[in-house]
PDB file of N, CA and C in Angstrom:
ATOM      1  N   UNK A   1     174.650  92.508 119.618  1.00  0.00           N
ATOM      2  CA  UNK A   1     175.565  93.612 119.505  1.00  0.00           C
ATOM      3  C   UNK A   1     174.991  94.644 118.529  1.00  0.00           C
ATOM      4  N   UNK A   2     175.069  95.910 118.901  1.00  0.00           N
ATOM      5  CA  UNK A   2     174.564  96.979 118.050  1.00  0.00           C
ATOM      6  C   UNK A   2     175.626  97.399 117.044  1.00  0.00           C
ATOM      7  N   UNK A   3     175.186  97.967 115.943  1.00  0.00           N
ATOM      8  CA  UNK A   3     176.070  98.396 114.875  1.00  0.00           C
ATOM      9  C   UNK A   3     177.108  99.399 115.391  1.00  0.00           C
ATOM     10  N   UNK A   4     178.377  99.022 115.345  1.00  0.00           N
ATOM     11  CA  UNK A   4     179.461  99.899 115.773  1.00  0.00           C
ATOM     12  C   UNK A   4     179.737  99.903 117.260  1.00  0.00           C
ATOM     13  N   UNK A   5     179.012  99.104 118.027  1.00  0.00           N
ATOM     14  CA  UNK A   5     179.202  99.078 119.477  1.00  0.00           C
ATOM     15  C   UNK A   5     180.605  98.560 119.814  1.00  0.00           C
ATOM     16  N   UNK A   6     181.300  99.265 120.700  1.00  0.00           N
ATOM     17  CA  UNK A   6     182.626  98.862 121.119  1.00  0.00           C
ATOM     18  C   UNK A   6     183.739  99.308 120.183  1.00  0.00           C
ATOM     19  N   UNK A   7     183.376  99.997 119.120  1.00  0.00           N
ATOM     20  CA  UNK A   7     184.366 100.483 118.163  1.00  0.00           C
ATOM     21  C   UNK A   7     184.677 101.936 118.495  1.00  0.00           C
ATOM     22  N   UNK A   8     185.949 102.275 118.470  1.00  0.00           N
ATOM     23  CA  UNK A   8     186.355 103.633 118.831  1.00  0.00           C
ATOM     24  C   UNK A   8     185.923 104.672 117.797  1.00  0.00           C
ATOM     25  N   UNK A   9     186.114 104.388 116.541  1.00  0.00           N
ATOM     26  CA  UNK A   9     185.743 105.320 115.482  1.00  0.00           C
ATOM     27  C   UNK A   9     185.611 104.587 114.156  1.00  0.00           C
ATOM     28  N   UNK A  10     184.764 105.105 113.286  1.00  0.00           N
ATOM     29  CA  UNK A  10     184.552 104.470 111.997  1.00  0.00           C
ATOM     30  C   UNK A  10     184.672 105.482 110.866  1.00  0.00           C
ATOM     31  N   UNK A  11     185.059 104.981 109.713  1.00  0.00           N
ATOM     32  CA  UNK A  11     185.079 105.743 108.474  1.00  0.00           C
ATOM     33  C   UNK A  11     183.913 105.232 107.653  1.00  0.00           C
ATOM     34  N   UNK A  12     183.056 106.132 107.223  1.00  0.00           N
ATOM     35  CA  UNK A  12     181.888 105.728 106.439  1.00  0.00           C
ATOM     36  C   UNK A  12     182.060 106.190 105.002  1.00  0.00           C
ATOM     37  N   UNK A  13     181.842 105.275 104.086  1.00  0.00           N
ATOM     38  CA  UNK A  13     181.834 105.606 102.665  1.00  0.00           C
ATOM     39  C   UNK A  13     180.462 105.227 102.120  1.00  0.00           C
ATOM     40  N   UNK A  14     179.742 106.209 101.617  1.00  0.00           N
ATOM     41  CA  UNK A  14     178.411 105.959 101.053  1.00  0.00           C
ATOM     42  C   UNK A  14     178.531 106.060  99.535  1.00  0.00           C
ATOM     43  N   UNK A  15     178.261 104.956  98.862  1.00  0.00           N
ATOM     44  CA  UNK A  15     178.235 104.930  97.408  1.00  0.00           C
ATOM     45  C   UNK A  15     176.777 105.162  96.999  1.00  0.00           C
ATOM     46  N   UNK A  16     176.520 106.274  96.347  1.00  0.00           N
ATOM     47  CA  UNK A  16     175.150 106.643  95.994  1.00  0.00           C
ATOM     48  C   UNK A  16     174.501 105.603  95.078  1.00  0.00           C
ATOM     49  N   UNK A  17     175.324 104.779  94.410  1.00  0.00           N
ATOM     50  CA  UNK A  17     174.797 103.690  93.578  1.00  0.00           C
ATOM     51  C   UNK A  17     173.956 102.698  94.378  1.00  0.00           C
ATOM     52  N   UNK A  18     174.128 102.663  95.707  1.00  0.00           N
ATOM     53  CA  UNK A  18     173.373 101.707  96.530  1.00  0.00           C
ATOM     54  C   UNK A  18     171.901 102.091  96.646  1.00  0.00           C
ATOM     55  N   UNK A  19     171.578 103.325  96.295  1.00  0.00           N
ATOM     56  CA  UNK A  19     170.202 103.791  96.426  1.00  0.00           C
ATOM     57  C   UNK A  19     169.328 103.333  95.264  1.00  0.00           C
ATOM     58  N   UNK A  20     168.079 103.106  95.556  1.00  0.00           N
ATOM     59  CA  UNK A  20     167.098 102.787  94.538  1.00  0.00           C
ATOM     60  C   UNK A  20     166.991 103.972  93.570  1.00  0.00           C
ATOM     61  N   UNK A  21     166.750 103.732  92.278  1.00  0.00           N
ATOM     62  CA  UNK A  21     166.649 104.824  91.302  1.00  0.00           C
ATOM     63  C   UNK A  21     165.578 105.860  91.626  1.00  0.00           C
ATOM     64  N   UNK A  22     164.644 105.515  92.474  1.00  0.00           N
ATOM     65  CA  UNK A  22     163.640 106.490  92.914  1.00  0.00           C
ATOM     66  C   UNK A  22     164.312 107.668  93.609  1.00  0.00           C
ATOM     67  N   UNK A  23     165.419 107.406  94.300  1.00  0.00           N
ATOM     68  CA  UNK A  23     166.114 108.431  95.077  1.00  0.00           C
ATOM     69  C   UNK A  23     167.343 108.980  94.359  1.00  0.00           C
ATOM     70  N   UNK A  24     167.966 108.169  93.519  1.00  0.00           N
ATOM     71  CA  UNK A  24     169.160 108.582  92.775  1.00  0.00           C
ATOM     72  C   UNK A  24     169.055 108.006  91.360  1.00  0.00           C
ATOM     73  N   UNK A  25     168.309 108.678  90.499  1.00  0.00           N
ATOM     74  CA  UNK A  25     168.014 108.115  89.189  1.00  0.00           C
ATOM     75  C   UNK A  25     169.165 108.105  88.185  1.00  0.00           C
ATOM     76  N   UNK A  26     170.168 108.947  88.372  1.00  0.00           N
ATOM     77  CA  UNK A  26     171.224 109.041  87.363  1.00  0.00           C
ATOM     78  C   UNK A  26     172.577 108.767  87.976  1.00  0.00           C
ATOM     79  N   UNK A  27     172.832 107.505  88.241  1.00  0.00           N
ATOM     80  CA  UNK A  27     174.120 107.072  88.781  1.00  0.00           C
ATOM     81  C   UNK A  27     174.746 106.081  87.807  1.00  0.00           C
ATOM     82  N   UNK A  28     176.003 105.732  88.056  1.00  0.00           N
ATOM     83  CA  UNK A  28     176.726 104.839  87.145  1.00  0.00           C
ATOM     84  C   UNK A  28     176.096 103.454  87.050  1.00  0.00           C
ATOM     85  N   UNK A  29     175.737 102.889  88.185  1.00  0.00           N
ATOM     86  CA  UNK A  29     175.193 101.528  88.234  1.00  0.00           C
ATOM     87  C   UNK A  29     173.871 101.547  88.991  1.00  0.00           C
ATOM     88  N   UNK A  30     172.796 101.569  88.248  1.00  0.00           N
ATOM     89  CA  UNK A  30     171.464 101.620  88.849  1.00  0.00           C
ATOM     90  C   UNK A  30     171.191 100.325  89.598  1.00  0.00           C
ATOM     91  N   UNK A  31     170.668 100.446  90.804  1.00  0.00           N
ATOM     92  CA  UNK A  31     170.384  99.293  91.673  1.00  0.00           C
ATOM     93  C   UNK A  31     168.886  99.247  91.956  1.00  0.00           C
ATOM     94  N   UNK A  32     168.117  98.627  91.036  1.00  0.00           N
ATOM     95  CA  UNK A  32     166.681  98.489  91.275  1.00  0.00           C
ATOM     96  C   UNK A  32     166.467  97.702  92.549  1.00  0.00           C
ATOM     97  N   UNK A  33     165.582  98.186  93.397  1.00  0.00           N
ATOM     98  CA  UNK A  33     165.350  97.538  94.685  1.00  0.00           C
ATOM     99  C   UNK A  33     166.430  97.888  95.688  1.00  0.00           C
ATOM    100  N   UNK A  34     167.205  98.933  95.389  1.00  0.00           N
ATOM    101  CA  UNK A  34     168.264  99.364  96.299  1.00  0.00           C
ATOM    102  C   UNK A  34     167.702 100.011  97.559  1.00  0.00           C
ATOM    103  N   UNK A  35     168.591 100.535  98.357  1.00  0.00           N
ATOM    104  CA  UNK A  35     168.194 101.167  99.612  1.00  0.00           C
ATOM    105  C   UNK A  35     167.430 102.460  99.364  1.00  0.00           C
ATOM    106  N   UNK A  36     166.558 102.792 100.306  1.00  0.00           N
ATOM    107  CA  UNK A  36     165.900 104.094 100.254  1.00  0.00           C
ATOM    108  C   UNK A  36     166.774 105.089 101.021  1.00  0.00           C
ATOM    109  N   UNK A  37     166.513 106.358 100.828  1.00  0.00           N
ATOM    110  CA  UNK A  37     167.229 107.387 101.579  1.00  0.00           C
ATOM    111  C   UNK A  37     167.004 107.166 103.074  1.00  0.00           C
ATOM    112  N   UNK A  38     165.783 106.802 103.434  1.00  0.00           N
ATOM    113  CA  UNK A  38     165.435 106.536 104.834  1.00  0.00           C
ATOM    114  C   UNK A  38     166.235 105.353 105.389  1.00  0.00           C
ATOM    115  N   UNK A  39     166.446 104.312 104.586  1.00  0.00           N
ATOM    116  CA  UNK A  39     167.254 103.155 105.009  1.00  0.00           C
ATOM    117  C   UNK A  39     168.671 103.596 105.390  1.00  0.00           C
ATOM    118  N   UNK A  40     169.284 104.419 104.532  1.00  0.00           N
ATOM    119  CA  UNK A  40     170.646 104.892 104.794  1.00  0.00           C
ATOM    120  C   UNK A  40     170.680 105.746 106.065  1.00  0.00           C
ATOM    121  N   UNK A  41     169.680 106.619 106.246  1.00  0.00           N
ATOM    122  CA  UNK A  41     169.620 107.442 107.462  1.00  0.00           C
ATOM    123  C   UNK A  41     169.466 106.581 108.705  1.00  0.00           C
ATOM    124  N   UNK A  42     168.646 105.527 108.629  1.00  0.00           N
ATOM    125  CA  UNK A  42     168.492 104.626 109.779  1.00  0.00           C
ATOM    126  C   UNK A  42     169.814 103.969 110.155  1.00  0.00           C
ATOM    127  N   UNK A  43     170.563 103.530 109.157  1.00  0.00           N
ATOM    128  CA  UNK A  43     171.874 102.929 109.425  1.00  0.00           C
ATOM    129  C   UNK A  43     172.777 103.949 110.111  1.00  0.00           C
ATOM    130  N   UNK A  44     172.828 105.147 109.557  1.00  0.00           N
ATOM    131  CA  UNK A  44     173.678 106.195 110.106  1.00  0.00           C
ATOM    132  C   UNK A  44     173.262 106.575 111.527  1.00  0.00           C
ATOM    133  N   UNK A  45     171.978 106.763 111.753  1.00  0.00           N
ATOM    134  CA  UNK A  45     171.496 107.185 113.074  1.00  0.00           C
ATOM    135  C   UNK A  45     171.607 106.086 114.129  1.00  0.00           C
ATOM    136  N   UNK A  46     171.581 104.825 113.707  1.00  0.00           N
ATOM    137  CA  UNK A  46     171.701 103.717 114.660  1.00  0.00           C
ATOM    138  C   UNK A  46     173.146 103.295 114.910  1.00  0.00           C
ATOM    139  N   UNK A  47     174.063 103.907 114.211  1.00  0.00           N
ATOM    140  CA  UNK A  47     175.478 103.599 114.397  1.00  0.00           C
ATOM    141  C   UNK A  47     175.936 104.088 115.764  1.00  0.00           C
ATOM    142  N   UNK A  48     176.486 103.193 116.577  1.00  0.00           N
ATOM    143  CA  UNK A  48     176.898 103.520 117.933  1.00  0.00           C
ATOM    144  C   UNK A  48     178.279 104.175 118.004  1.00  0.00           C
ATOM    145  N   UNK A  49     179.138 103.867 117.052  1.00  0.00           N
ATOM    146  CA  UNK A  49     180.505 104.395 117.070  1.00  0.00           C
ATOM    147  C   UNK A  49     180.552 105.826 116.549  1.00  0.00           C
ATOM    148  N   UNK A  50     181.600 106.546 116.929  1.00  0.00           N
ATOM    149  CA  UNK A  50     181.814 107.889 116.415  1.00  0.00           C
ATOM    150  C   UNK A  50     182.282 107.814 114.968  1.00  0.00           C
ATOM    151  N   UNK A  51     181.740 108.682 114.134  1.00  0.00           N
ATOM    152  CA  UNK A  51     182.186 108.783 112.749  1.00  0.00           C
ATOM    153  C   UNK A  51     183.367 109.748 112.732  1.00  0.00           C
ATOM    154  N   UNK A  52     184.535 109.253 112.348  1.00  0.00           N
ATOM    155  CA  UNK A  52     185.738 110.091 112.353  1.00  0.00           C
ATOM    156  C   UNK A  52     186.013 110.698 110.975  1.00  0.00           C
ATOM    157  N   UNK A  53     185.484 110.081 109.933  1.00  0.00           N
ATOM    158  CA  UNK A  53     185.632 110.604 108.575  1.00  0.00           C
ATOM    159  C   UNK A  53     184.601 109.921 107.689  1.00  0.00           C
ATOM    160  N   UNK A  54     184.295 110.578 106.569  1.00  0.00           N
ATOM    161  CA  UNK A  54     183.289 110.008 105.672  1.00  0.00           C
ATOM    162  C   UNK A  54     183.453 110.560 104.268  1.00  0.00           C
ATOM    163  N   UNK A  55     182.926 109.797 103.323  1.00  0.00           N
ATOM    164  CA  UNK A  55     182.837 110.300 101.960  1.00  0.00           C
ATOM    165  C   UNK A  55     181.551 109.796 101.316  1.00  0.00           C
ATOM    166  N   UNK A  56     181.122 110.505 100.300  1.00  0.00           N
ATOM    167  CA  UNK A  56     179.956 110.114  99.518  1.00  0.00           C
ATOM    168  C   UNK A  56     180.429 110.112  98.068  1.00  0.00           C
ATOM    169  N   UNK A  57     180.282 108.954  97.406  1.00  0.00           N
ATOM    170  CA  UNK A  57     180.843 108.806  96.061  1.00  0.00           C
ATOM    171  C   UNK A  57     179.801 108.341  95.056  1.00  0.00           C
ATOM    172  N   UNK A  58     180.194 108.404  93.774  1.00  0.00           N
ATOM    173  CA  UNK A  58     179.393 107.934  92.651  1.00  0.00           C
ATOM    174  C   UNK A  58     178.073 108.691  92.495  1.00  0.00           C
ATOM    175  N   UNK A  59     178.131 110.004  92.674  1.00  0.00           N
ATOM    176  CA  UNK A  59     176.915 110.777  92.450  1.00  0.00           C
ATOM    177  C   UNK A  59     177.056 111.597  91.174  1.00  0.00           C
ATOM    178  N   UNK A  60     175.930 111.922  90.582  1.00  0.00           N
ATOM    179  CA  UNK A  60     175.902 112.705  89.355  1.00  0.00           C
ATOM    180  C   UNK A  60     175.436 114.109  89.698  1.00  0.00           C
ATOM    181  N   UNK A  61     176.354 115.042  89.694  1.00  0.00           N
ATOM    182  CA  UNK A  61     176.018 116.414  90.064  1.00  0.00           C
ATOM    183  C   UNK A  61     175.151 117.103  89.018  1.00  0.00           C
ATOM    184  N   UNK A  62     175.069 116.513  87.831  1.00  0.00           N
ATOM    185  CA  UNK A  62     174.260 117.100  86.763  1.00  0.00           C
ATOM    186  C   UNK A  62     172.774 116.772  86.930  1.00  0.00           C
ATOM    187  N   UNK A  63     172.465 115.812  87.773  1.00  0.00           N
ATOM    188  CA  UNK A  63     171.078 115.425  88.007  1.00  0.00           C
ATOM    189  C   UNK A  63     170.622 116.045  89.324  1.00  0.00           C
ATOM    190  N   UNK A  64     169.605 116.886  89.266  1.00  0.00           N
ATOM    191  CA  UNK A  64     169.164 117.635  90.433  1.00  0.00           C
ATOM    192  C   UNK A  64     168.734 116.732  91.591  1.00  0.00           C
ATOM    193  N   UNK A  65     167.986 115.688  91.304  1.00  0.00           N
ATOM    194  CA  UNK A  65     167.507 114.802  92.376  1.00  0.00           C
ATOM    195  C   UNK A  65     168.667 114.084  93.061  1.00  0.00           C
ATOM    196  N   UNK A  66     169.575 113.510  92.269  1.00  0.00           N
ATOM    197  CA  UNK A  66     170.721 112.801  92.828  1.00  0.00           C
ATOM    198  C   UNK A  66     171.609 113.761  93.614  1.00  0.00           C
ATOM    199  N   UNK A  67     171.808 114.965  93.088  1.00  0.00           N
ATOM    200  CA  UNK A  67     172.624 115.970  93.779  1.00  0.00           C
ATOM    201  C   UNK A  67     171.984 116.364  95.110  1.00  0.00           C
ATOM    202  N   UNK A  68     170.668 116.492  95.147  1.00  0.00           N
ATOM    203  CA  UNK A  68     169.968 116.877  96.381  1.00  0.00           C
ATOM    204  C   UNK A  68     170.081 115.768  97.430  1.00  0.00           C
ATOM    205  N   UNK A  69     169.897 114.526  97.020  1.00  0.00           N
ATOM    206  CA  UNK A  69     170.023 113.394  97.950  1.00  0.00           C
ATOM    207  C   UNK A  69     171.453 113.325  98.481  1.00  0.00           C
ATOM    208  N   UNK A  70     172.427 113.531  97.606  1.00  0.00           N
ATOM    209  CA  UNK A  70     173.832 113.515  98.019  1.00  0.00           C
ATOM    210  C   UNK A  70     174.107 114.623  99.022  1.00  0.00           C
ATOM    211  N   UNK A  71     173.598 115.814  98.767  1.00  0.00           N
ATOM    212  CA  UNK A  71     173.786 116.936  99.695  1.00  0.00           C
ATOM    213  C   UNK A  71     173.180 116.630 101.062  1.00  0.00           C
ATOM    214  N   UNK A  72     172.023 116.000 101.069  1.00  0.00           N
ATOM    215  CA  UNK A  72     171.381 115.634 102.341  1.00  0.00           C
ATOM    216  C   UNK A  72     172.204 114.582 103.087  1.00  0.00           C
ATOM    217  N   UNK A  73     172.800 113.638 102.353  1.00  0.00           N
ATOM    218  CA  UNK A  73     173.660 112.634 102.995  1.00  0.00           C
ATOM    219  C   UNK A  73     174.892 113.299 103.616  1.00  0.00           C
ATOM    220  N   UNK A  74     175.485 114.233 102.889  1.00  0.00           N
ATOM    221  CA  UNK A  74     176.645 114.966 103.421  1.00  0.00           C
ATOM    222  C   UNK A  74     176.247 115.739 104.675  1.00  0.00           C
ATOM    223  N   UNK A  75     175.070 116.361 104.649  1.00  0.00           N
ATOM    224  CA  UNK A  75     174.583 117.098 105.828  1.00  0.00           C
ATOM    225  C   UNK A  75     174.428 116.171 107.037  1.00  0.00           C
ATOM    226  N   UNK A  76     173.842 115.007 106.834  1.00  0.00           N
ATOM    227  CA  UNK A  76     173.637 114.068 107.940  1.00  0.00           C
ATOM    228  C   UNK A  76     174.961 113.520 108.467  1.00  0.00           C
ATOM    229  N   UNK A  77     175.886 113.222 107.573  1.00  0.00           N
ATOM    230  CA  UNK A  77     177.206 112.748 108.000  1.00  0.00           C
ATOM    231  C   UNK A  77     177.941 113.826 108.780  1.00  0.00           C
ATOM    232  N   UNK A  78     177.856 115.064 108.319  1.00  0.00           N
ATOM    233  CA  UNK A  78     178.503 116.181 109.015  1.00  0.00           C
ATOM    234  C   UNK A  78     177.894 116.376 110.398  1.00  0.00           C
ATOM    235  N   UNK A  79     176.587 116.268 110.495  1.00  0.00           N
ATOM    236  CA  UNK A  79     175.916 116.395 111.789  1.00  0.00           C
ATOM    237  C   UNK A  79     176.372 115.296 112.743  1.00  0.00           C
ATOM    238  N   UNK A  80     176.507 114.080 112.229  1.00  0.00           N
ATOM    239  CA  UNK A  80     176.963 112.957 113.056  1.00  0.00           C
ATOM    240  C   UNK A  80     178.396 113.190 113.538  1.00  0.00           C
ATOM    241  N   UNK A  81     179.268 113.695 112.653  1.00  0.00           N
ATOM    242  CA  UNK A  81     180.656 113.938 113.033  1.00  0.00           C
ATOM    243  C   UNK A  81     180.793 115.129 113.976  1.00  0.00           C
ATOM    244  N   UNK A  82     179.895 116.098 113.880  1.00  0.00           N
ATOM    245  CA  UNK A  82     180.013 117.316 114.689  1.00  0.00           C
ATOM    246  C   UNK A  82     179.783 117.067 116.176  1.00  0.00           C
ATOM    247  N   UNK A  83     179.270 115.904 116.526  1.00  0.00           N
ATOM    248  CA  UNK A  83     179.046 115.567 117.933  1.00  0.00           C
ATOM    249  C   UNK A  83     180.347 115.214 118.642  1.00  0.00           C
ATOM    250  N   UNK A  84     181.407 114.997 117.865  1.00  0.00           N
ATOM    251  CA  UNK A  84     182.708 114.694 118.446  1.00  0.00           C
ATOM    252  C   UNK A  84     183.404 115.993 118.841  1.00  0.00           C
ATOM    253  N   UNK A  85     184.343 115.898 119.780  1.00  0.00           N
ATOM    254  CA  UNK A  85     185.081 117.072 120.232  1.00  0.00           C
ATOM    255  C   UNK A  85     185.947 117.632 119.105  1.00  0.00           C
ATOM    256  N   UNK A  86     186.709 116.790 118.456  1.00  0.00           N
ATOM    257  CA  UNK A  86     187.587 117.210 117.366  1.00  0.00           C
ATOM    258  C   UNK A  86     187.111 116.580 116.072  1.00  0.00           C
ATOM    259  N   UNK A  87     186.772 117.411 115.127  1.00  0.00           N
ATOM    260  CA  UNK A  87     186.330 116.898 113.851  1.00  0.00           C
ATOM    261  C   UNK A  87     186.649 117.899 112.755  1.00  0.00           C
ATOM    262  N   UNK A  88     186.652 117.415 111.555  1.00  0.00           N
ATOM    263  CA  UNK A  88     186.969 118.258 110.409  1.00  0.00           C
ATOM    264  C   UNK A  88     186.189 117.771 109.204  1.00  0.00           C
ATOM    265  N   UNK A  89     185.688 118.704 108.443  1.00  0.00           N
ATOM    266  CA  UNK A  89     185.003 118.370 107.205  1.00  0.00           C
ATOM    267  C   UNK A  89     185.788 118.988 106.062  1.00  0.00           C
ATOM    268  N   UNK A  90     186.073 118.192 105.074  1.00  0.00           N
ATOM    269  CA  UNK A  90     186.793 118.667 103.893  1.00  0.00           C
ATOM    270  C   UNK A  90     185.871 118.543 102.690  1.00  0.00           C
ATOM    271  N   UNK A  91     185.683 119.645 101.993  1.00  0.00           N
ATOM    272  CA  UNK A  91     184.853 119.633 100.788  1.00  0.00           C
ATOM    273  C   UNK A  91     185.759 119.921  99.601  1.00  0.00           C
ATOM    274  N   UNK A  92     185.758 119.019  98.662  1.00  0.00           N
ATOM    275  CA  UNK A  92     186.577 119.176  97.459  1.00  0.00           C
ATOM    276  C   UNK A  92     185.638 119.464  96.296  1.00  0.00           C
ATOM    277  N   UNK A  93     185.769 120.641  95.688  1.00  0.00           N
ATOM    278  CA  UNK A  93     184.860 120.966  94.578  1.00  0.00           C
ATOM    279  C   UNK A  93     185.111 120.075  93.376  1.00  0.00           C
ATOM    280  N   UNK A  94     184.038 119.800  92.646  1.00  0.00           N
ATOM    281  CA  UNK A  94     184.186 118.990  91.438  1.00  0.00           C
ATOM    282  C   UNK A  94     184.716 119.862  90.314  1.00  0.00           C
ATOM    283  N   UNK A  95     185.215 119.214  89.279  1.00  0.00           N
ATOM    284  CA  UNK A  95     185.709 119.942  88.120  1.00  0.00           C
ATOM    285  C   UNK A  95     184.542 120.539  87.346  1.00  0.00           C
ATOM    286  N   UNK A  96     184.755 121.717  86.805  1.00  0.00           N
ATOM    287  CA  UNK A  96     183.734 122.330  85.953  1.00  0.00           C
ATOM    288  C   UNK A  96     183.573 121.473  84.703  1.00  0.00           C
ATOM    289  N   UNK A  97     182.351 121.177  84.359  1.00  0.00           N
ATOM    290  CA  UNK A  97     182.090 120.402  83.142  1.00  0.00           C
ATOM    291  C   UNK A  97     181.716 121.353  82.021  1.00  0.00           C
ATOM    292  N   UNK A  98     182.209 121.071  80.854  1.00  0.00           N
ATOM    293  CA  UNK A  98     181.816 121.821  79.668  1.00  0.00           C
ATOM    294  C   UNK A  98     180.476 121.242  79.217  1.00  0.00           C
ATOM    295  N   UNK A  99     179.401 121.944  79.489  1.00  0.00           N
ATOM    296  CA  UNK A  99     178.066 121.419  79.229  1.00  0.00           C
ATOM    297  C   UNK A  99     177.823 121.144  77.753  1.00  0.00           C
ATOM    298  N   UNK A 100     178.507 121.841  76.859  1.00  0.00           N
ATOM    299  CA  UNK A 100     178.308 121.609  75.424  1.00  0.00           C
ATOM    300  C   UNK A 100     178.867 120.257  74.998  1.00  0.00           C
ATOM    301  N   UNK A 101     179.895 119.781  75.693  1.00  0.00           N
ATOM    302  CA  UNK A 101     180.522 118.516  75.314  1.00  0.00           C
ATOM    303  C   UNK A 101     180.090 117.350  76.208  1.00  0.00           C
ATOM    304  N   UNK A 102     179.137 117.581  77.079  1.00  0.00           N
ATOM    305  CA  UNK A 102     178.700 116.550  78.012  1.00  0.00           C
ATOM    306  C   UNK A 102     177.394 115.950  77.523  1.00  0.00           C
ATOM    307  N   UNK A 103     177.348 114.635  77.445  1.00  0.00           N
ATOM    308  CA  UNK A 103     176.135 113.933  77.042  1.00  0.00           C
ATOM    309  C   UNK A 103     175.530 113.267  78.265  1.00  0.00           C
ATOM    310  N   UNK A 104     174.264 113.436  78.445  1.00  0.00           N
ATOM    311  CA  UNK A 104     173.560 112.791  79.557  1.00  0.00           C
ATOM    312  C   UNK A 104     172.933 111.502  79.029  1.00  0.00           C
ATOM    313  N   UNK A 105     173.088 110.432  79.789  1.00  0.00           N
ATOM    314  CA  UNK A 105     172.541 109.138  79.379  1.00  0.00           C
ATOM    315  C   UNK A 105     171.290 108.836  80.145  1.00  0.00           C
TER     316      UNK A 105
END
């Protein structure tokens, strides 16, 4: 059986913490030996079911590399959902951070 075969629709949640630090170096819980960006794309592209909704969580918008990988994941998820007749993408802006009071770890 193929991934998602026979399923009408799926909700995908991608936790950026699952990625190896090479691809997402500044996340809450670093996962050495985690998935590569290519691994996640393969899962998404091989999914047989329609993606009806999705989210990408646990990313650090202050880190350029992690933010770029997250943006690419959102782009790929949106492309996958756009193949459906009826679809909607909701983007919720993050809160403005006061950079003077923010410490990077």
